[in-house]
């Protein structure tokens, strides 16, 4: 139990739930970083112009224009079977750094 004396408001960040869960049943929040893996449209090595570069790490955010949750610019609701929460932007910002 945390006492009032131990609480520091600037130590915690509230994160909005998306109402969705990843492929392992983990709740997804705004600011989470998710890995997208094995998507059927993922471009395979040797493919000639077919598919997209989808596999990778994405920040979850609210898309104001479309009024929906997105992983990068991809619609989160359509990616759920391929998404795994791996961290968040506050505790693991290095997960979004390009290799």
Protein backbone atom coordinates (compact mmCIF):
# COMPACT_ATOMS: atom_id res chain seq x y z
CA UNK A 1 0.00 0.00 0.00
CA UNK A 2 1.26 3.48 -0.87
CA UNK A 3 0.81 6.15 1.76
CA UNK A 4 0.01 9.75 0.92
CA UNK A 5 3.52 10.77 1.97
CA UNK A 6 5.02 8.34 -0.58
CA UNK A 7 2.94 9.62 -3.50
CA UNK A 8 4.52 12.05 -5.91
CA UNK A 9 2.19 13.19 -8.74
CA UNK A 10 5.06 13.85 -11.14
CA UNK A 11 6.30 10.29 -10.61
CA UNK A 12 3.23 8.72 -12.28
CA UNK A 13 1.66 9.12 -15.73
CA UNK A 14 -2.00 8.21 -16.28
CA UNK A 15 -2.54 6.32 -19.51
CA UNK A 16 -5.89 6.03 -21.34
CA UNK A 17 -7.08 2.50 -22.11
CA UNK A 18 -7.88 1.74 -25.77
CA UNK A 19 -10.44 -0.85 -24.70
CA UNK A 20 -8.48 -3.43 -26.73
CA UNK A 21 -6.17 -6.28 -25.75
CA UNK A 22 -3.13 -7.65 -27.55
CA UNK A 23 -2.78 -11.24 -28.80
CA UNK A 24 -1.76 -12.34 -25.28
CA UNK A 25 -4.75 -10.72 -23.56
CA UNK A 26 -2.75 -7.73 -22.22
CA UNK A 27 -4.73 -4.47 -22.13
CA UNK A 28 -3.41 -1.83 -24.56
CA UNK A 29 -3.05 1.79 -23.39
CA UNK A 30 -2.27 5.06 -25.16
CA UNK A 31 1.50 5.48 -25.03
CA UNK A 32 2.15 1.74 -25.09
CA UNK A 33 4.70 0.42 -27.56
CA UNK A 34 3.58 -2.65 -29.43
CA UNK A 35 5.42 -5.07 -31.68
CA UNK A 36 3.56 -6.12 -34.82
CA UNK A 37 4.62 -9.60 -35.87
CA UNK A 38 3.66 -12.05 -38.62
CA UNK A 39 1.00 -9.85 -40.25
CA UNK A 40 -0.29 -11.54 -43.44
CA UNK A 41 0.42 -8.39 -45.49
CA UNK A 42 4.02 -8.19 -44.24
CA UNK A 43 6.36 -7.95 -47.19
CA UNK A 44 8.46 -11.11 -47.35
CA UNK A 45 12.09 -11.24 -48.43
CA UNK A 46 12.23 -11.55 -52.20
CA UNK A 47 8.68 -10.23 -52.79
CA UNK A 48 8.55 -7.86 -55.76
CA UNK A 49 6.38 -4.89 -54.70
CA UNK A 50 3.84 -7.04 -52.87
CA UNK A 51 2.93 -6.32 -49.25
CA UNK A 52 4.01 -3.60 -46.82
CA UNK A 53 6.72 -3.12 -44.23
CA UNK A 54 4.55 -3.77 -41.16
CA UNK A 55 6.65 -5.79 -38.71
CA UNK A 56 8.24 -3.54 -36.09
CA UNK A 57 7.54 -1.43 -33.00
CA UNK A 58 4.82 1.23 -32.96
CA UNK A 59 3.51 3.78 -30.45
CA UNK A 60 -0.20 3.60 -29.69
CA UNK A 61 -2.05 6.89 -30.09
CA UNK A 62 -5.46 8.42 -30.80
CA UNK A 63 -5.99 9.47 -34.42
CA UNK A 64 -8.17 12.60 -34.23
CA UNK A 65 -8.98 12.63 -37.96
CA UNK A 66 -10.31 9.05 -38.03
CA UNK A 67 -11.45 9.01 -34.37
CA UNK A 68 -9.77 5.69 -33.71
CA UNK A 69 -6.75 4.14 -31.97
CA UNK A 70 -3.71 3.58 -34.18
CA UNK A 71 -0.35 1.85 -34.03
CA UNK A 72 1.67 4.43 -35.91
CA UNK A 73 -0.60 5.11 -38.89
CA UNK A 74 -2.16 1.62 -38.87
CA UNK A 75 -5.62 0.94 -37.42
CA UNK A 76 -5.13 -0.86 -34.11
CA UNK A 77 -8.46 -2.73 -34.17
CA UNK A 78 -7.43 -4.51 -37.39
CA UNK A 79 -4.00 -5.46 -36.03
CA UNK A 80 -5.02 -7.06 -32.70
CA UNK A 81 -4.14 -10.66 -33.64
CA UNK A 82 -0.59 -9.56 -34.56
CA UNK A 83 0.11 -7.04 -31.76
CA UNK A 84 2.09 -7.66 -28.56
CA UNK A 85 2.64 -4.97 -25.88
CA UNK A 86 6.40 -4.67 -25.24
CA UNK A 87 6.61 -1.47 -23.18
CA UNK A 88 5.56 2.18 -23.17
CA UNK A 89 6.99 5.53 -24.24
CA UNK A 90 7.66 6.62 -20.64
CA UNK A 91 9.64 3.62 -19.40
CA UNK A 92 11.04 2.24 -22.69
CA UNK A 93 11.51 5.08 -25.25
CA UNK A 94 14.51 3.25 -26.72
CA UNK A 95 12.11 0.69 -28.23
CA UNK A 96 11.06 3.29 -30.82
CA UNK A 97 14.60 4.16 -31.90
CA UNK A 98 15.53 3.14 -35.43
CA UNK A 99 18.16 0.43 -35.75
